[in-house]
Amino acid sequence: MTWYVQLQQANQILASREAEASRLRLARLAAGQVSRLGQRPPAGPTRRLAARVALIVGRNATRVAAALDAETVRAA
């Protein structure tokens, strides 16, 4: 098979799955089951800790970059 035929088959599979998903969504809405896509489950303690660590590392990296940039400006 050529890449074009494979691409067409993939597009057909995607289109059929999207149509099925749309049909299921409409059926749920008609049945009164509203999906809660905007709501996320609460973040666990491990996830919150990882987010804090990433925030601290990002802030420190920004400070180091600003300090190095200030030194470069002063030297020029």
N, C-alpha and C. Protein backbone atom coordinates (compact mmCIF):
# COMPACT_ATOMS: atom_id res chain seq x y z
N MET A 1 0.82 -1.18 0.00
CA MET A 1 0.00 0.00 0.00
C MET A 1 0.87 1.25 0.00
N THR A 2 0.39 2.22 -0.67
CA THR A 2 1.12 3.48 -0.68
C THR A 2 0.69 4.31 0.53
N TRP A 3 1.44 5.34 0.80
CA TRP A 3 1.14 6.19 1.95
C TRP A 3 -0.20 6.89 1.78
N TYR A 4 -0.57 7.19 0.54
CA TYR A 4 -1.83 7.89 0.29
C TYR A 4 -3.03 7.01 0.63
N VAL A 5 -2.95 5.75 0.27
CA VAL A 5 -4.04 4.83 0.58
C VAL A 5 -4.15 4.65 2.09
N GLN A 6 -3.01 4.54 2.76
CA GLN A 6 -3.03 4.42 4.22
C GLN A 6 -3.62 5.67 4.87
N LEU A 7 -3.28 6.83 4.34
CA LEU A 7 -3.82 8.08 4.85
C LEU A 7 -5.33 8.13 4.67
N GLN A 8 -5.82 7.71 3.52
CA GLN A 8 -7.25 7.70 3.26
C GLN A 8 -7.98 6.75 4.20
N GLN A 9 -7.37 5.59 4.45
CA GLN A 9 -7.99 4.63 5.37
C GLN A 9 -8.03 5.19 6.79
N ALA A 10 -6.96 5.83 7.19
CA ALA A 10 -6.92 6.44 8.53
C ALA A 10 -7.97 7.53 8.65
N ASN A 11 -8.11 8.35 7.62
CA ASN A 11 -9.12 9.42 7.63
C ASN A 11 -10.53 8.84 7.69
N GLN A 12 -10.77 7.73 7.00
CA GLN A 12 -12.08 7.10 7.04
C GLN A 12 -12.38 6.54 8.43
N ILE A 13 -11.38 5.93 9.06
CA ILE A 13 -11.55 5.39 10.41
C ILE A 13 -11.85 6.52 11.38
N LEU A 14 -11.09 7.61 11.27
CA LEU A 14 -11.32 8.76 12.15
C LEU A 14 -12.71 9.35 11.94
N ALA A 15 -13.13 9.48 10.71
CA ALA A 15 -14.45 10.05 10.42
C ALA A 15 -15.56 9.16 10.99
N SER A 16 -15.41 7.86 10.87
CA SER A 16 -16.44 6.97 11.41
C SER A 16 -16.48 7.02 12.93
N ARG A 17 -15.32 7.12 13.58
CA ARG A 17 -15.29 7.20 15.04
C ARG A 17 -15.84 8.54 15.53
N GLU A 18 -15.55 9.61 14.81
CA GLU A 18 -16.11 10.92 15.18
C GLU A 18 -17.63 10.92 15.02
N ALA A 19 -18.12 10.29 13.97
CA ALA A 19 -19.57 10.21 13.77
C ALA A 19 -20.22 9.40 14.89
N GLU A 20 -19.58 8.30 15.29
CA GLU A 20 -20.10 7.48 16.37
C GLU A 20 -20.10 8.24 17.69
N ALA A 21 -19.02 8.99 17.95
CA ALA A 21 -18.93 9.79 19.18
C ALA A 21 -20.01 10.87 19.19
N SER A 22 -20.24 11.50 18.07
CA SER A 22 -21.30 12.52 17.98
C SER A 22 -22.67 11.92 18.22
N ARG A 23 -22.90 10.74 17.66
CA ARG A 23 -24.17 10.07 17.85
C ARG A 23 -24.37 9.73 19.33
N LEU A 24 -23.33 9.24 20.00
CA LEU A 24 -23.42 8.90 21.42
C LEU A 24 -23.65 10.15 22.27
N ARG A 25 -22.96 11.25 21.94
CA ARG A 25 -23.16 12.50 22.67
C ARG A 25 -24.60 12.98 22.56
N LEU A 26 -25.13 12.94 21.36
CA LEU A 26 -26.51 13.36 21.15
C LEU A 26 -27.49 12.46 21.90
N ALA A 27 -27.20 11.17 21.93
CA ALA A 27 -28.07 10.25 22.66
C ALA A 27 -28.04 10.53 24.15
N ARG A 28 -26.87 10.83 24.70
CA ARG A 28 -26.75 11.16 26.12
C ARG A 28 -27.49 12.47 26.44
N LEU A 29 -27.32 13.46 25.58
CA LEU A 29 -28.02 14.73 25.80
C LEU A 29 -29.52 14.54 25.74
N ALA A 30 -29.98 13.72 24.81
CA ALA A 30 -31.41 13.47 24.69
C ALA A 30 -31.93 12.72 25.92
N ALA A 31 -31.09 11.88 26.52
CA ALA A 31 -31.49 11.13 27.70
C ALA A 31 -31.37 11.96 28.97
N GLY A 32 -30.80 13.15 28.86
CA GLY A 32 -30.68 14.03 30.02
C GLY A 32 -29.40 13.84 30.80
N GLN A 33 -28.47 13.10 30.27
CA GLN A 33 -27.19 12.90 30.93
C GLN A 33 -26.21 13.93 30.40
N VAL A 34 -26.03 15.01 31.15
CA VAL A 34 -25.12 16.07 30.73
C VAL A 34 -23.71 15.68 31.11
N SER A 35 -22.82 15.72 30.15
CA SER A 35 -21.43 15.37 30.45
C SER A 35 -20.75 16.52 31.18
N ARG A 36 -19.83 16.21 32.03
CA ARG A 36 -19.12 17.21 32.82
C ARG A 36 -17.68 17.30 32.33
N LEU A 37 -17.51 17.79 31.13
CA LEU A 37 -16.17 17.89 30.55
C LEU A 37 -15.33 18.95 31.23
N GLY A 38 -15.94 20.02 31.72
CA GLY A 38 -15.19 21.11 32.32
C GLY A 38 -14.69 20.82 33.72
N GLN A 39 -15.24 19.80 34.36
CA GLN A 39 -14.86 19.50 35.72
C GLN A 39 -13.75 18.45 35.74
N ARG A 40 -12.73 18.71 36.53
CA ARG A 40 -11.62 17.78 36.67
C ARG A 40 -11.64 17.18 38.06
N PRO A 41 -11.14 15.97 38.19
CA PRO A 41 -11.04 15.42 39.53
C PRO A 41 -9.99 16.21 40.32
N PRO A 42 -10.14 16.27 41.64
CA PRO A 42 -9.16 17.02 42.44
C PRO A 42 -7.76 16.44 42.29
N ALA A 43 -6.80 17.32 42.27
CA ALA A 43 -5.42 16.89 42.12
C ALA A 43 -4.95 16.24 43.41
N GLY A 44 -4.21 15.17 43.27
CA GLY A 44 -3.69 14.47 44.44
C GLY A 44 -2.48 15.18 45.02
N PRO A 45 -2.07 14.76 46.21
CA PRO A 45 -0.94 15.42 46.87
C PRO A 45 0.36 15.28 46.08
N THR A 46 0.56 14.17 45.41
CA THR A 46 1.79 13.99 44.62
C THR A 46 1.81 14.96 43.45
N ARG A 47 0.67 15.12 42.82
CA ARG A 47 0.59 16.05 41.68
C ARG A 47 0.82 17.49 42.13
N ARG A 48 0.24 17.85 43.29
CA ARG A 48 0.44 19.20 43.81
C ARG A 48 1.89 19.44 44.18
N LEU A 49 2.54 18.44 44.78
CA LEU A 49 3.95 18.57 45.13
C LEU A 49 4.81 18.74 43.88
N ALA A 50 4.53 17.95 42.85
CA ALA A 50 5.28 18.07 41.59
C ALA A 50 5.07 19.44 40.96
N ALA A 51 3.87 19.97 41.05
CA ALA A 51 3.60 21.30 40.50
C ALA A 51 4.36 22.37 41.26
N ARG A 52 4.42 22.24 42.58
CA ARG A 52 5.17 23.22 43.38
C ARG A 52 6.65 23.17 43.04
N VAL A 53 7.19 21.96 42.91
CA VAL A 53 8.61 21.83 42.56
C VAL A 53 8.88 22.44 41.20
N ALA A 54 8.02 22.17 40.23
CA ALA A 54 8.19 22.74 38.89
C ALA A 54 8.11 24.26 38.94
N LEU A 55 7.22 24.80 39.77
CA LEU A 55 7.10 26.25 39.90
C LEU A 55 8.36 26.85 40.49
N ILE A 56 8.89 26.23 41.53
CA ILE A 56 10.11 26.74 42.17
C ILE A 56 11.29 26.68 41.21
N VAL A 57 11.42 25.56 40.50
CA VAL A 57 12.52 25.43 39.54
C VAL A 57 12.39 26.48 38.44
N GLY A 58 11.17 26.69 37.95
CA GLY A 58 10.96 27.69 36.89
C GLY A 58 11.29 29.10 37.35
N ARG A 59 10.87 29.43 38.57
CA ARG A 59 11.18 30.77 39.09
C ARG A 59 12.68 30.97 39.25
N ASN A 60 13.36 29.96 39.79
CA ASN A 60 14.80 30.08 39.96
C ASN A 60 15.53 30.16 38.62
N ALA A 61 15.08 29.41 37.65
CA ALA A 61 15.69 29.48 36.33
C ALA A 61 15.49 30.86 35.71
N THR A 62 14.32 31.44 35.93
CA THR A 62 14.06 32.78 35.42
C THR A 62 14.97 33.80 36.09
N ARG A 63 15.14 33.66 37.40
CA ARG A 63 16.02 34.58 38.13
C ARG A 63 17.46 34.47 37.66
N VAL A 64 17.93 33.24 37.45
CA VAL A 64 19.30 33.04 36.97
C VAL A 64 19.46 33.66 35.59
N ALA A 65 18.49 33.43 34.72
CA ALA A 65 18.56 33.99 33.37
C ALA A 65 18.56 35.52 33.41
N ALA A 66 17.74 36.10 34.28
CA ALA A 66 17.71 37.56 34.39
C ALA A 66 19.03 38.09 34.93
N ALA A 67 19.62 37.39 35.90
CA ALA A 67 20.91 37.82 36.44
C ALA A 67 22.00 37.73 35.38
N LEU A 68 22.00 36.66 34.61
CA LEU A 68 23.01 36.52 33.57
C LEU A 68 22.82 37.56 32.49
N ASP A 69 21.58 37.86 32.15
CA ASP A 69 21.29 38.87 31.15
C ASP A 69 21.73 40.24 31.65
N ALA A 70 21.50 40.54 32.93
CA ALA A 70 21.92 41.82 33.49
C ALA A 70 23.43 41.96 33.46
N GLU A 71 24.15 40.88 33.73
CA GLU A 71 25.61 40.90 33.67
C GLU A 71 26.09 41.12 32.25
N THR A 72 25.41 40.55 31.29
CA THR A 72 25.77 40.72 29.88
C THR A 72 25.56 42.16 29.46
N VAL A 73 24.47 42.77 29.89
CA VAL A 73 24.16 44.15 29.54
C VAL A 73 25.21 45.08 30.16
N ARG A 74 25.59 44.82 31.41
CA ARG A 74 26.59 45.63 32.07
C ARG A 74 27.96 45.54 31.41
N ALA A 75 28.32 44.34 30.92
CA ALA A 75 29.63 44.14 30.30
C ALA A 75 29.71 44.81 28.94
N ALA A 76 28.61 44.97 28.27
CA ALA A 76 28.62 45.53 26.91
C ALA A 76 28.79 47.01 26.89
